[in-house]
Amino acid sequence: MKKTKKLLALLLALLLTGSLLTACGGSEDEAQEDAQDQTTEDTQSGDSTETDWPTKPIQMIVPFDAGGDTDFNARQYAKYLEEELGQPVAVSNVVGNSGMLAAKEVYDADADGYTILFTHSSINVNTAAGTSDIGIEDFEMVRVCGRPAVEAIAVRSDSPYETLDDLVAAIKENPGDFIVPASIGATSHYACLLMEKACGVELNIVNSGASSDRTAGLKGGNFEFIINPYGTMKSFIDSGDFRILATVGEERSSQFPDIPTAKELGYEDLVSVNAYYILVPKGTPEAIIEKLGAAIDDISNNNEEYATAIAEAYYQDTFLLNREDSVAYAQDELARFMEMSAELKGE
């Protein structure tokens, strides 16, 4: 009888222990599930906060003076981004040190989507020229969102040079005597160096200000020719003060199809095409980049007012790349400029 009681007691004890272990295991599983649920809720809460962007005004930094083509394009995007995003987008012109001041301001900004850099290919030229410690790879790419009207080789209407061949022949006869203005370390400098190389000439390249300064210099008789974005010379072309000898585009522009490219005139390597970039600080959440990119896409692809404005002001066609293609474009462009790094540095 005693043995039977002992066996029953032992059996009860084993059953009780198993129940306790099961209960404890269930508590641990439930705790883990609760923790996972909380993590999911926290993540979703974070995503929701990012998706709610923007909840306050956005600042768009432009590394060039107001009134130029880059500033104009930035202000066009700012105008329509306000409609797309529901918050003011204020454009600030931060000029100096070959664009580095503007780049640094955005580089140092919080990665929260409220400080945007609107720049162009000069950021890659600056890297190749060694004039800036901050390059395009120090930012998150949002989009290649446009292209300036192609650069063109212009002379005054009273110039003796009727064709590009005339101009090249005269420069070869007087090496180093033809003064041409450029912003040293920027895209205009690259275009002049490219002309030297492609045409086999020697130019006297002097530092100038913005494209408007080069236009004024040609009008005033300070230079025999300039290489400038077509749109910045529009009023002088329309008035008959300037004559365009050729563009340095890959192909003829749909905005002015009667003007030949230097390439088709036999100067195969005289091709310089630039782009506008929208960048944000490294670490900006993907949700913000995607939302900003989608707004840019809608403007470029669907906004007829935007397309008309850039065509009328600067003879531009809309041009847009998705984020992946924008990264590839920027890398290819930087590699192209790096091939002339020594010349850009004056070595």
Foldseek 3Di string as FASTA:
>chain_A
DVVVVVVVVVVVVVVVVVVVVVVVVVVVVVVVVVVVVVVVVVVVVVLVVLLLPDPEEAEEEEAADPPDPLNVLVVLLQVLVCVLRVYHYHYDHDYDQQSQRRVVVQQPDDLALRYKYKYKPLLLLLVLQVSHPDHPVQFAFQWQWFWFAFKFKKFFLPAPDPAPVSVLVVQAVPAAPFEEEDAQSGLQLVLVVQCCVLSVGHYNYDYDGDLLGRLVCRLVVVGRIYTHQQLSCVVCVVVRGMDTRATQAPAAAPLDNVGHHVCVVPSVRSHGIMTITMTGGPPNDPSSSVSSSVSSCCCLPPPPVSQVVSCVRRVTGTDIDGSVVRVVVSVVSSVVSNVCSCVSNVD
